C-alpha cells in the first residue's frame, strides 16, 4: 500500500527516530506523493504569564533557530516543512485533516505507566486521527 500525502511529526531536538521516520515515510510514499514534516513548538504554560514578557525575545529567537534547523535538515523537493505552535497532538491532527493527509508516520517510545496517566503525543494521534497512522517504536527513554 502507498500513500499520496504523508505527515511526519518531528520533535525539536529529535534523535535517530527522525531519520527512521523519514525512511519509513519514503517507503510508504506513492511515486507522485509528498511528505510534510511538522514541528510543533509547545506554547509556554499559563502559569508563566508573568515571566513571558521577559522571556519572549529569547523564546522567539530559539523558535526561529529551531525552524531554520528543521528546514535545512529536511529540505527536499518532495518535502514541505511546517512549523506550528500549540499542543502537539491537536496541532498534528489539525494539519493532517486540513491538508487531507492520508497517513501519519510518528515515532513513539514503548509505553509505560506514565503514558496511562499522562498520555503521549503518539497515543493521542493514534486515537483521534482521521487517517492511517504508522507508529515507529523507539527505545524507552526512561
N, C-alpha and C. Protein backbone atom coordinates (compact mmCIF):
# COMPACT_ATOMS: atom_id res chain seq x y z
N UNK A 1 0.84 -1.18 0.00
CA UNK A 1 0.00 0.00 0.00
C UNK A 1 0.88 1.24 0.00
N UNK A 2 0.47 2.24 -0.71
CA UNK A 2 1.22 3.50 -0.72
C UNK A 2 0.26 4.66 -0.46
N UNK A 3 0.84 5.76 -0.04
CA UNK A 3 0.05 6.94 0.34
C UNK A 3 0.52 8.14 -0.46
N UNK A 4 -0.39 9.06 -0.72
CA UNK A 4 -0.05 10.22 -1.54
C UNK A 4 0.40 11.43 -0.73
N UNK A 5 -0.08 11.56 0.51
CA UNK A 5 0.31 12.68 1.38
C UNK A 5 0.59 12.14 2.77
N UNK A 6 1.86 12.17 3.14
CA UNK A 6 2.26 11.62 4.43
C UNK A 6 2.74 12.75 5.33
N UNK A 7 2.27 12.74 6.57
CA UNK A 7 2.66 13.73 7.57
C UNK A 7 3.62 13.06 8.55
N UNK A 8 4.77 13.70 8.77
CA UNK A 8 5.78 13.15 9.69
C UNK A 8 6.05 14.18 10.79
N UNK A 9 5.48 13.97 11.99
CA UNK A 9 5.79 14.87 13.10
C UNK A 9 7.20 14.60 13.62
N UNK A 10 7.97 15.67 13.78
CA UNK A 10 9.34 15.57 14.29
C UNK A 10 9.45 16.49 15.50
N UNK A 11 9.96 15.96 16.60
CA UNK A 11 10.13 16.76 17.80
C UNK A 11 11.42 17.57 17.70
N UNK A 12 11.40 18.82 18.17
CA UNK A 12 12.65 19.58 18.23
C UNK A 12 13.65 18.81 19.09
N UNK A 13 14.90 18.79 18.68
CA UNK A 13 15.90 18.04 19.43
C UNK A 13 15.74 16.54 19.25
N UNK A 14 15.17 16.15 18.13
CA UNK A 14 14.92 14.73 17.84
C UNK A 14 16.23 13.95 17.78
N UNK A 15 16.11 12.66 17.87
CA UNK A 15 17.27 11.78 17.75
C UNK A 15 17.21 11.03 16.44
N UNK A 16 17.68 9.80 16.46
CA UNK A 16 17.71 8.97 15.26
C UNK A 16 16.33 8.65 14.72
N UNK A 17 15.31 8.76 15.58
CA UNK A 17 13.96 8.39 15.14
C UNK A 17 13.46 9.26 13.98
N UNK A 18 13.96 10.48 13.85
CA UNK A 18 13.53 11.34 12.75
C UNK A 18 13.97 10.76 11.42
N UNK A 19 15.21 10.32 11.35
CA UNK A 19 15.71 9.70 10.12
C UNK A 19 14.96 8.42 9.79
N UNK A 20 14.68 7.63 10.82
CA UNK A 20 13.92 6.39 10.61
C UNK A 20 12.51 6.68 10.15
N UNK A 21 11.89 7.71 10.74
CA UNK A 21 10.53 8.08 10.33
C UNK A 21 10.50 8.53 8.87
N UNK A 22 11.50 9.28 8.46
CA UNK A 22 11.55 9.72 7.06
C UNK A 22 11.78 8.53 6.12
N UNK A 23 12.61 7.57 6.52
CA UNK A 23 12.82 6.36 5.70
C UNK A 23 11.52 5.60 5.52
N UNK A 24 10.79 5.43 6.61
CA UNK A 24 9.51 4.71 6.55
C UNK A 24 8.52 5.49 5.68
N UNK A 25 8.46 6.80 5.87
CA UNK A 25 7.55 7.61 5.06
C UNK A 25 7.88 7.47 3.57
N UNK A 26 9.16 7.52 3.23
CA UNK A 26 9.54 7.36 1.82
C UNK A 26 9.17 5.98 1.29
N UNK A 27 9.28 4.95 2.13
CA UNK A 27 8.93 3.60 1.67
C UNK A 27 7.42 3.44 1.47
N UNK A 28 6.62 4.23 2.17
CA UNK A 28 5.17 4.17 2.04
C UNK A 28 4.60 5.15 1.02
N UNK A 29 5.44 6.04 0.52
CA UNK A 29 5.00 7.12 -0.37
C UNK A 29 4.81 6.65 -1.80
N UNK A 30 3.70 7.05 -2.41
CA UNK A 30 3.47 6.76 -3.82
C UNK A 30 4.44 7.58 -4.65
N UNK A 31 4.74 7.16 -5.89
CA UNK A 31 5.74 7.84 -6.71
C UNK A 31 5.50 9.35 -6.90
N UNK A 32 4.25 9.76 -6.95
CA UNK A 32 3.95 11.17 -7.15
C UNK A 32 3.51 11.86 -5.85
N UNK A 33 3.78 11.21 -4.71
CA UNK A 33 3.32 11.72 -3.43
C UNK A 33 4.23 12.78 -2.83
N UNK A 34 3.82 13.28 -1.66
CA UNK A 34 4.60 14.30 -0.96
C UNK A 34 4.59 14.03 0.54
N UNK A 35 5.63 14.54 1.18
CA UNK A 35 5.78 14.39 2.62
C UNK A 35 5.77 15.77 3.25
N UNK A 36 5.05 15.89 4.35
CA UNK A 36 5.07 17.12 5.14
C UNK A 36 5.67 16.79 6.49
N UNK A 37 6.73 17.50 6.84
CA UNK A 37 7.31 17.38 8.17
C UNK A 37 6.71 18.50 9.01
N UNK A 38 6.14 18.12 10.16
CA UNK A 38 5.60 19.14 11.06
C UNK A 38 6.40 19.14 12.35
N UNK A 39 6.76 20.33 12.77
CA UNK A 39 7.43 20.54 14.05
C UNK A 39 6.50 21.41 14.87
N UNK A 40 6.07 20.90 16.03
CA UNK A 40 5.17 21.65 16.88
C UNK A 40 5.97 22.19 18.06
N UNK A 41 5.97 23.50 18.17
CA UNK A 41 6.64 24.16 19.29
C UNK A 41 5.59 24.42 20.36
N UNK A 42 5.74 23.76 21.48
CA UNK A 42 4.77 23.89 22.57
C UNK A 42 4.75 25.33 23.07
N UNK A 43 3.55 25.81 23.34
CA UNK A 43 3.41 27.16 23.88
C UNK A 43 3.78 27.15 25.35
N UNK A 44 4.21 28.29 25.87
CA UNK A 44 4.54 28.40 27.28
C UNK A 44 3.29 28.21 28.12
N UNK A 45 3.39 27.48 29.24
CA UNK A 45 2.22 27.28 30.09
C UNK A 45 1.73 28.58 30.70
N UNK A 46 0.45 28.62 31.00
CA UNK A 46 -0.19 29.81 31.54
C UNK A 46 0.40 30.34 32.83
N UNK A 47 0.92 29.44 33.67
CA UNK A 47 1.47 29.89 34.95
C UNK A 47 2.75 30.70 34.78
N UNK A 48 3.30 30.73 33.56
CA UNK A 48 4.49 31.55 33.30
C UNK A 48 4.14 32.91 32.71
N UNK A 49 2.86 33.28 32.72
CA UNK A 49 2.39 34.51 32.09
C UNK A 49 3.19 35.73 32.54
N UNK A 50 3.47 35.84 33.82
CA UNK A 50 4.21 37.00 34.32
C UNK A 50 5.63 37.04 33.76
N UNK A 51 6.23 35.87 33.53
CA UNK A 51 7.60 35.81 33.04
C UNK A 51 7.70 35.92 31.52
N UNK A 52 6.59 35.74 30.83
CA UNK A 52 6.61 35.74 29.36
C UNK A 52 7.18 37.04 28.81
N UNK A 53 6.85 38.14 29.43
CA UNK A 53 7.33 39.43 28.93
C UNK A 53 8.85 39.46 28.83
N UNK A 54 9.53 38.95 29.84
CA UNK A 54 10.99 38.95 29.83
C UNK A 54 11.55 37.81 29.01
N UNK A 55 10.81 36.70 28.88
CA UNK A 55 11.28 35.53 28.14
C UNK A 55 11.01 35.62 26.64
N UNK A 56 10.04 36.41 26.24
CA UNK A 56 9.57 36.42 24.86
C UNK A 56 10.67 36.57 23.81
N UNK A 57 11.59 37.53 23.92
CA UNK A 57 12.63 37.63 22.89
C UNK A 57 13.49 36.37 22.81
N UNK A 58 13.80 35.77 23.94
CA UNK A 58 14.61 34.55 23.95
C UNK A 58 13.85 33.39 23.33
N UNK A 59 12.58 33.26 23.67
CA UNK A 59 11.75 32.18 23.13
C UNK A 59 11.61 32.34 21.62
N UNK A 60 11.34 33.53 21.14
CA UNK A 60 11.19 33.77 19.71
C UNK A 60 12.48 33.46 18.96
N UNK A 61 13.61 33.86 19.52
CA UNK A 61 14.91 33.58 18.89
C UNK A 61 15.16 32.07 18.83
N UNK A 62 14.84 31.37 19.89
CA UNK A 62 15.00 29.92 19.93
C UNK A 62 14.10 29.24 18.91
N UNK A 63 12.86 29.71 18.80
CA UNK A 63 11.93 29.13 17.83
C UNK A 63 12.39 29.37 16.40
N UNK A 64 12.93 30.55 16.11
CA UNK A 64 13.46 30.82 14.77
C UNK A 64 14.63 29.90 14.46
N UNK A 65 15.50 29.67 15.42
CA UNK A 65 16.65 28.80 15.22
C UNK A 65 16.20 27.35 14.96
N UNK A 66 15.21 26.89 15.72
CA UNK A 66 14.68 25.54 15.53
C UNK A 66 14.05 25.41 14.14
N UNK A 67 13.27 26.40 13.75
CA UNK A 67 12.63 26.38 12.43
C UNK A 67 13.66 26.32 11.32
N UNK A 68 14.69 27.13 11.39
CA UNK A 68 15.74 27.13 10.36
C UNK A 68 16.45 25.79 10.32
N UNK A 69 16.77 25.24 11.48
CA UNK A 69 17.45 23.95 11.56
C UNK A 69 16.61 22.84 10.91
N UNK A 70 15.32 22.84 11.18
CA UNK A 70 14.44 21.81 10.62
C UNK A 70 14.29 21.95 9.11
N UNK A 71 14.15 23.17 8.64
CA UNK A 71 14.04 23.40 7.19
C UNK A 71 15.33 22.94 6.51
N UNK A 72 16.47 23.30 7.08
CA UNK A 72 17.75 22.90 6.49
C UNK A 72 17.92 21.38 6.49
N UNK A 73 17.53 20.74 7.58
CA UNK A 73 17.73 19.29 7.72
C UNK A 73 16.83 18.48 6.80
N UNK A 74 15.60 18.90 6.62
CA UNK A 74 14.64 18.08 5.88
C UNK A 74 14.31 18.63 4.50
N UNK A 75 15.11 19.56 4.01
CA UNK A 75 14.88 20.16 2.70
C UNK A 75 15.04 19.11 1.59
N UNK A 76 13.99 18.94 0.80
CA UNK A 76 13.99 18.03 -0.35
C UNK A 76 12.84 18.46 -1.26
N UNK A 77 12.92 18.12 -2.54
CA UNK A 77 11.87 18.55 -3.48
C UNK A 77 10.47 18.08 -3.11
N UNK A 78 10.36 16.89 -2.52
CA UNK A 78 9.03 16.36 -2.20
C UNK A 78 8.66 16.52 -0.72
N UNK A 79 9.40 17.37 0.00
CA UNK A 79 9.16 17.55 1.42
C UNK A 79 8.87 19.02 1.72
N UNK A 80 7.80 19.24 2.46
CA UNK A 80 7.47 20.58 2.96
C UNK A 80 7.65 20.54 4.47
N UNK A 81 8.28 21.56 5.04
CA UNK A 81 8.45 21.64 6.48
C UNK A 81 7.51 22.72 7.01
N UNK A 82 6.69 22.33 8.00
CA UNK A 82 5.72 23.23 8.60
C UNK A 82 6.06 23.37 10.07
N UNK A 83 6.17 24.60 10.54
CA UNK A 83 6.43 24.87 11.95
C UNK A 83 5.17 25.52 12.52
N UNK A 84 4.64 24.93 13.60
CA UNK A 84 3.45 25.50 14.24
C UNK A 84 3.64 25.52 15.75
N UNK A 85 2.93 26.41 16.39
CA UNK A 85 2.93 26.47 17.84
C UNK A 85 1.60 25.93 18.34
N UNK A 86 1.64 25.24 19.47
CA UNK A 86 0.41 24.73 20.06
C UNK A 86 0.62 23.43 20.78
N UNK A 87 -0.49 22.78 21.09
CA UNK A 87 -0.47 21.46 21.73
C UNK A 87 -0.09 20.45 20.64
N UNK A 88 0.89 19.61 20.91
CA UNK A 88 1.46 18.74 19.88
C UNK A 88 0.42 17.86 19.19
N UNK A 89 -0.28 17.02 19.92
CA UNK A 89 -1.21 16.08 19.28
C UNK A 89 -2.32 16.81 18.53
N UNK A 90 -2.93 17.82 19.16
CA UNK A 90 -4.02 18.55 18.49
C UNK A 90 -3.54 19.24 17.22
N UNK A 91 -2.34 19.83 17.27
CA UNK A 91 -1.82 20.55 16.12
C UNK A 91 -1.50 19.59 14.98
N UNK A 92 -0.94 18.44 15.29
CA UNK A 92 -0.67 17.42 14.27
C UNK A 92 -1.97 16.97 13.62
N UNK A 93 -2.97 16.67 14.43
CA UNK A 93 -4.26 16.21 13.91
C UNK A 93 -4.95 17.27 13.06
N UNK A 94 -4.87 18.52 13.48
CA UNK A 94 -5.47 19.61 12.70
C UNK A 94 -4.84 19.71 11.32
N UNK A 95 -3.51 19.69 11.26
CA UNK A 95 -2.84 19.78 9.95
C UNK A 95 -3.16 18.57 9.09
N UNK A 96 -3.15 17.39 9.69
CA UNK A 96 -3.46 16.17 8.92
C UNK A 96 -4.83 16.27 8.26
N UNK A 97 -5.79 16.77 9.02
CA UNK A 97 -7.15 16.86 8.49
C UNK A 97 -7.30 17.99 7.48
N UNK A 98 -6.80 19.18 7.81
CA UNK A 98 -6.99 20.32 6.91
C UNK A 98 -6.25 20.17 5.59
N UNK A 99 -5.16 19.42 5.58
CA UNK A 99 -4.38 19.23 4.35
C UNK A 99 -4.61 17.87 3.71
N UNK A 100 -5.60 17.13 4.20
CA UNK A 100 -6.01 15.84 3.64
C UNK A 100 -4.86 14.84 3.52
N UNK A 101 -4.06 14.74 4.58
CA UNK A 101 -3.02 13.71 4.60
C UNK A 101 -3.70 12.36 4.74
N UNK A 102 -3.15 11.33 4.08
CA UNK A 102 -3.75 10.01 4.18
C UNK A 102 -2.95 9.05 5.07
N UNK A 103 -1.82 9.54 5.62
CA UNK A 103 -1.05 8.73 6.55
C UNK A 103 -0.20 9.64 7.43
N UNK A 104 -0.03 9.24 8.68
CA UNK A 104 0.87 9.93 9.61
C UNK A 104 1.89 8.89 10.05
N UNK A 105 3.18 9.23 9.95
CA UNK A 105 4.26 8.36 10.43
C UNK A 105 4.84 9.05 11.65
N UNK A 106 4.71 8.42 12.83
CA UNK A 106 5.11 9.06 14.08
C UNK A 106 5.92 8.09 14.93
N UNK A 107 6.97 8.60 15.55
CA UNK A 107 7.79 7.80 16.45
C UNK A 107 7.18 7.83 17.85
N UNK A 108 7.34 6.72 18.58
CA UNK A 108 6.83 6.64 19.94
C UNK A 108 7.68 5.67 20.74
N UNK A 109 7.95 6.03 21.99
CA UNK A 109 8.67 5.11 22.86
C UNK A 109 7.72 4.04 23.35
N UNK A 110 8.29 2.95 23.84
CA UNK A 110 7.47 1.87 24.41
C UNK A 110 6.67 2.43 25.57
N UNK A 111 5.34 2.26 25.57
CA UNK A 111 4.54 2.88 26.62
C UNK A 111 4.84 2.30 28.00
N UNK A 112 4.78 3.15 28.99
CA UNK A 112 4.96 2.74 30.37
C UNK A 112 3.80 3.28 31.19
N UNK A 113 3.88 3.14 32.48
CA UNK A 113 2.79 3.60 33.34
C UNK A 113 2.52 5.09 33.20
N UNK A 114 3.56 5.88 32.95
CA UNK A 114 3.35 7.32 32.83
C UNK A 114 2.41 7.66 31.67
N UNK A 115 2.38 6.82 30.62
CA UNK A 115 1.50 7.09 29.49
C UNK A 115 0.04 6.79 29.82
N UNK A 116 -0.18 5.88 30.74
CA UNK A 116 -1.56 5.59 31.13
C UNK A 116 -2.15 6.75 31.92
N UNK A 117 -1.31 7.48 32.61
CA UNK A 117 -1.78 8.60 33.42
C UNK A 117 -1.74 9.92 32.66
N UNK A 118 -0.69 10.14 31.90
CA UNK A 118 -0.49 11.44 31.26
C UNK A 118 -0.80 11.44 29.77
N UNK A 119 -0.71 10.32 29.12
CA UNK A 119 -0.89 10.26 27.68
C UNK A 119 0.39 10.65 26.97
N UNK A 120 0.41 10.51 25.69
CA UNK A 120 1.57 10.91 24.91
C UNK A 120 1.08 11.45 23.58
N UNK A 121 1.96 12.14 22.89
CA UNK A 121 1.58 12.69 21.59
C UNK A 121 1.16 11.58 20.64
N UNK A 122 1.96 10.52 20.55
CA UNK A 122 1.65 9.44 19.62
C UNK A 122 0.32 8.78 19.95
N UNK A 123 0.05 8.52 21.23
CA UNK A 123 -1.21 7.86 21.57
C UNK A 123 -2.41 8.76 21.26
N UNK A 124 -2.26 10.06 21.47
CA UNK A 124 -3.33 10.99 21.13
C UNK A 124 -3.58 11.02 19.63
N UNK A 125 -2.51 10.97 18.85
CA UNK A 125 -2.65 10.97 17.40
C UNK A 125 -3.32 9.68 16.94
N UNK A 126 -2.86 8.54 17.46
CA UNK A 126 -3.44 7.25 17.07
C UNK A 126 -4.93 7.20 17.39
N UNK A 127 -5.32 7.67 18.56
CA UNK A 127 -6.73 7.60 18.98
C UNK A 127 -7.65 8.49 18.16
N UNK A 128 -7.14 9.62 17.68
CA UNK A 128 -8.06 10.59 17.08
C UNK A 128 -7.81 10.90 15.60
N UNK A 129 -6.86 10.27 14.96
CA UNK A 129 -6.56 10.57 13.56
C UNK A 129 -7.68 10.11 12.63
N UNK A 130 -7.90 10.88 11.60
CA UNK A 130 -8.91 10.53 10.59
C UNK A 130 -8.31 9.62 9.51
N UNK A 131 -6.99 9.43 9.56
CA UNK A 131 -6.29 8.67 8.52
C UNK A 131 -5.45 7.56 9.15
N UNK A 132 -4.77 6.80 8.34
CA UNK A 132 -3.88 5.75 8.83
C UNK A 132 -2.72 6.36 9.61
N UNK A 133 -2.25 5.63 10.63
CA UNK A 133 -1.12 6.08 11.43
C UNK A 133 -0.13 4.92 11.53
N UNK A 134 1.10 5.18 11.15
CA UNK A 134 2.18 4.19 11.27
C UNK A 134 3.05 4.62 12.45
N UNK A 135 3.12 3.78 13.48
CA UNK A 135 3.88 4.12 14.69
C UNK A 135 5.21 3.38 14.66
N UNK A 136 6.29 4.14 14.81
CA UNK A 136 7.63 3.57 14.90
C UNK A 136 7.99 3.47 16.38
N UNK A 137 8.35 2.31 16.82
CA UNK A 137 8.77 2.13 18.20
C UNK A 137 10.23 2.56 18.34
N UNK A 138 10.50 3.32 19.40
CA UNK A 138 11.87 3.72 19.72
C UNK A 138 12.21 3.18 21.10
N UNK A 139 13.48 3.20 21.45
CA UNK A 139 13.90 2.74 22.76
C UNK A 139 13.27 3.64 23.83
N UNK A 140 12.86 3.04 24.92
CA UNK A 140 12.26 3.81 26.01
C UNK A 140 13.32 4.70 26.62
N UNK A 141 13.00 5.98 26.74
CA UNK A 141 13.94 6.95 27.26
C UNK A 141 14.04 6.93 28.77
N UNK A 142 13.14 6.25 29.47
CA UNK A 142 13.17 6.26 30.93
C UNK A 142 14.03 5.18 31.51
